[in-house]
Each structure stands twice: as C-alpha cells, then as structure tokens.
Amino acid sequence: MIKFQIESKLEKKIRITEDYWKVLIEIGHPSIADYEEEIKNALINRLILMKFEEAKEIENLSLIN
C-alpha cells in the first residue's frame, strides 16, 4: 500500500510504500518517524538540485575531510 506519492521539482513521481516507510523509520532513520509532512515538503520544495554524479563527488569529499 502506498503511504504517499508526490511530484518533485524535476517532475519525477516519488512514491513511498507503507513497507518502505517502516524500514526507514525502524532500521534506517528512526529519528524521522514524526516528520512525514516535513519530508514530503523537502522532496517537493528542494532548494538544491544536482545530478547523481555531482552528489557522489560531494559525498566523497565529505568522507575525506
């Protein structure tokens, strides 16, 4: 069952199922459990948009420092 579905600024549909949400809040990120609306807003109204390759470069830089 779908928990929520939104469309991003890049006009991509993002769908989170109940099962995936459960994994996210129980295993991956328990601290986000009470922030469903804020997460939807962040996905819809992102301030920074970048290609996957650019994001990986930033991630790699942060691992070095």
N, C-alpha and C. Protein backbone atom coordinates (compact mmCIF):
# COMPACT_ATOMS: atom_id res chain seq x y z
N MET A 1 0.83 -1.17 0.00
CA MET A 1 0.00 0.00 0.00
C MET A 1 0.89 1.25 0.00
N ILE A 2 0.48 2.26 -0.73
CA ILE A 2 1.25 3.50 -0.85
C ILE A 2 0.98 4.39 0.36
N LYS A 3 2.05 4.83 1.00
CA LYS A 3 1.92 5.76 2.13
C LYS A 3 1.74 7.18 1.62
N PHE A 4 2.61 7.57 0.66
CA PHE A 4 2.43 8.86 0.00
C PHE A 4 3.14 8.87 -1.34
N GLN A 5 2.67 9.74 -2.21
CA GLN A 5 3.26 9.93 -3.52
C GLN A 5 3.25 11.42 -3.81
N ILE A 6 4.39 11.94 -4.22
CA ILE A 6 4.49 13.37 -4.54
C ILE A 6 5.19 13.52 -5.88
N GLU A 7 5.17 14.73 -6.42
CA GLU A 7 5.91 15.03 -7.63
C GLU A 7 6.96 16.06 -7.28
N SER A 8 8.22 15.76 -7.62
CA SER A 8 9.33 16.64 -7.28
C SER A 8 9.41 17.83 -8.24
N LYS A 9 10.32 18.77 -7.93
CA LYS A 9 10.55 19.91 -8.81
C LYS A 9 11.01 19.47 -10.19
N LEU A 10 11.63 18.30 -10.25
CA LEU A 10 12.09 17.76 -11.53
C LEU A 10 10.99 16.97 -12.23
N GLU A 11 9.78 17.10 -11.71
CA GLU A 11 8.60 16.43 -12.27
C GLU A 11 8.73 14.91 -12.24
N LYS A 12 9.39 14.42 -11.22
CA LYS A 12 9.52 12.98 -11.01
C LYS A 12 8.55 12.57 -9.91
N LYS A 13 7.86 11.47 -10.12
CA LYS A 13 6.97 10.95 -9.09
C LYS A 13 7.81 10.17 -8.07
N ILE A 14 7.60 10.48 -6.82
CA ILE A 14 8.28 9.79 -5.73
C ILE A 14 7.21 9.13 -4.89
N ARG A 15 7.31 7.81 -4.79
CA ARG A 15 6.29 7.03 -4.09
C ARG A 15 6.95 6.26 -2.95
N ILE A 16 6.37 6.38 -1.77
CA ILE A 16 6.85 5.65 -0.60
C ILE A 16 5.74 4.71 -0.15
N THR A 17 6.06 3.44 -0.06
CA THR A 17 5.07 2.46 0.40
C THR A 17 5.10 2.38 1.92
N GLU A 18 4.04 1.83 2.48
CA GLU A 18 3.98 1.61 3.93
C GLU A 18 5.15 0.75 4.38
N ASP A 19 5.45 -0.31 3.62
CA ASP A 19 6.54 -1.22 3.99
C ASP A 19 7.89 -0.51 3.97
N TYR A 20 8.13 0.31 2.95
CA TYR A 20 9.41 1.03 2.87
C TYR A 20 9.51 2.06 3.98
N TRP A 21 8.42 2.76 4.28
CA TRP A 21 8.41 3.74 5.37
C TRP A 21 8.78 3.05 6.69
N LYS A 22 8.22 1.86 6.89
CA LYS A 22 8.51 1.11 8.11
C LYS A 22 9.99 0.78 8.22
N VAL A 23 10.59 0.35 7.12
CA VAL A 23 12.04 0.07 7.11
C VAL A 23 12.82 1.35 7.41
N LEU A 24 12.42 2.46 6.78
CA LEU A 24 13.11 3.73 7.00
C LEU A 24 13.09 4.14 8.47
N ILE A 25 11.93 4.06 9.10
CA ILE A 25 11.84 4.57 10.47
C ILE A 25 12.26 3.57 11.54
N GLU A 26 12.24 2.29 11.22
CA GLU A 26 12.62 1.30 12.23
C GLU A 26 14.09 0.91 12.14
N ILE A 27 14.64 0.90 10.94
CA ILE A 27 16.02 0.44 10.76
C ILE A 27 16.95 1.57 10.36
N GLY A 28 16.58 2.30 9.33
CA GLY A 28 17.49 3.29 8.77
C GLY A 28 17.57 4.60 9.53
N HIS A 29 16.42 5.22 9.79
CA HIS A 29 16.40 6.57 10.36
C HIS A 29 15.25 6.73 11.35
N PRO A 30 15.34 6.13 12.52
CA PRO A 30 14.24 6.21 13.48
C PRO A 30 13.85 7.64 13.86
N SER A 31 14.78 8.56 13.78
CA SER A 31 14.51 9.94 14.20
C SER A 31 13.54 10.68 13.27
N ILE A 32 13.25 10.13 12.08
CA ILE A 32 12.35 10.82 11.14
C ILE A 32 10.89 10.39 11.28
N ALA A 33 10.60 9.49 12.19
CA ALA A 33 9.26 8.91 12.30
C ALA A 33 8.15 9.94 12.41
N ASP A 34 8.38 11.04 13.10
CA ASP A 34 7.33 12.04 13.31
C ASP A 34 7.37 13.18 12.31
N TYR A 35 8.13 13.03 11.23
CA TYR A 35 8.34 14.14 10.30
C TYR A 35 7.86 13.86 8.87
N GLU A 36 6.81 13.10 8.74
CA GLU A 36 6.32 12.73 7.40
C GLU A 36 5.99 13.96 6.55
N GLU A 37 5.27 14.92 7.09
CA GLU A 37 4.90 16.11 6.32
C GLU A 37 6.12 16.94 5.93
N GLU A 38 7.07 17.07 6.85
CA GLU A 38 8.29 17.81 6.54
C GLU A 38 9.11 17.12 5.45
N ILE A 39 9.12 15.80 5.48
CA ILE A 39 9.85 15.04 4.46
C ILE A 39 9.19 15.23 3.10
N LYS A 40 7.87 15.17 3.05
CA LYS A 40 7.17 15.42 1.79
C LYS A 40 7.50 16.81 1.27
N ASN A 41 7.43 17.81 2.15
CA ASN A 41 7.75 19.19 1.76
C ASN A 41 9.18 19.31 1.23
N ALA A 42 10.11 18.66 1.90
CA ALA A 42 11.51 18.72 1.46
C ALA A 42 11.68 18.10 0.08
N LEU A 43 10.97 17.02 -0.20
CA LEU A 43 11.06 16.38 -1.51
C LEU A 43 10.43 17.24 -2.60
N ILE A 44 9.34 17.91 -2.26
CA ILE A 44 8.64 18.75 -3.24
C ILE A 44 9.38 20.06 -3.47
N ASN A 45 9.87 20.67 -2.42
CA ASN A 45 10.43 22.03 -2.48
C ASN A 45 11.94 22.08 -2.26
N ARG A 46 12.64 21.14 -2.80
CA ARG A 46 14.09 21.10 -2.62
C ARG A 46 14.73 22.40 -3.08
N LEU A 47 15.69 22.85 -2.30
CA LEU A 47 16.42 24.07 -2.65
C LEU A 47 17.62 23.77 -3.52
N ILE A 48 18.19 22.59 -3.38
CA ILE A 48 19.38 22.22 -4.13
C ILE A 48 19.04 21.03 -5.02
N LEU A 49 19.28 21.19 -6.30
CA LEU A 49 19.09 20.10 -7.25
C LEU A 49 20.42 19.82 -7.91
N MET A 50 20.82 18.56 -7.96
CA MET A 50 22.07 18.21 -8.61
C MET A 50 21.97 16.82 -9.21
N LYS A 51 22.84 16.59 -10.16
CA LYS A 51 22.90 15.27 -10.78
C LYS A 51 23.52 14.30 -9.80
N PHE A 52 23.22 13.03 -9.98
CA PHE A 52 23.73 11.99 -9.10
C PHE A 52 25.26 12.03 -9.03
N GLU A 53 25.91 12.23 -10.16
CA GLU A 53 27.37 12.25 -10.18
C GLU A 53 27.92 13.38 -9.32
N GLU A 54 27.26 14.55 -9.36
CA GLU A 54 27.70 15.67 -8.54
C GLU A 54 27.52 15.36 -7.06
N ALA A 55 26.43 14.73 -6.73
CA ALA A 55 26.16 14.37 -5.33
C ALA A 55 27.21 13.39 -4.83
N LYS A 56 27.59 12.43 -5.66
CA LYS A 56 28.60 11.45 -5.26
C LYS A 56 29.94 12.14 -5.03
N GLU A 57 30.29 13.13 -5.86
CA GLU A 57 31.54 13.87 -5.67
C GLU A 57 31.53 14.59 -4.33
N ILE A 58 30.43 15.22 -3.99
CA ILE A 58 30.32 15.92 -2.71
C ILE A 58 30.41 14.93 -1.56
N GLU A 59 29.74 13.81 -1.69
CA GLU A 59 29.79 12.78 -0.65
C GLU A 59 31.22 12.30 -0.46
N ASN A 60 31.93 12.06 -1.55
CA ASN A 60 33.31 11.59 -1.46
C ASN A 60 34.21 12.63 -0.80
N LEU A 61 33.99 13.90 -1.10
CA LEU A 61 34.79 14.96 -0.48
C LEU A 61 34.55 15.01 1.02
N SER A 62 33.30 14.83 1.44
CA SER A 62 33.00 14.90 2.86
C SER A 62 33.59 13.71 3.61
N LEU A 63 33.78 12.59 2.92
CA LEU A 63 34.39 11.42 3.57
C LEU A 63 35.88 11.64 3.81
N ILE A 64 36.50 12.42 2.95
CA ILE A 64 37.94 12.67 3.08
C ILE A 64 38.21 13.61 4.26
N ASN A 65 37.38 14.62 4.42
CA ASN A 65 37.62 15.63 5.47
C ASN A 65 37.22 15.16 6.82
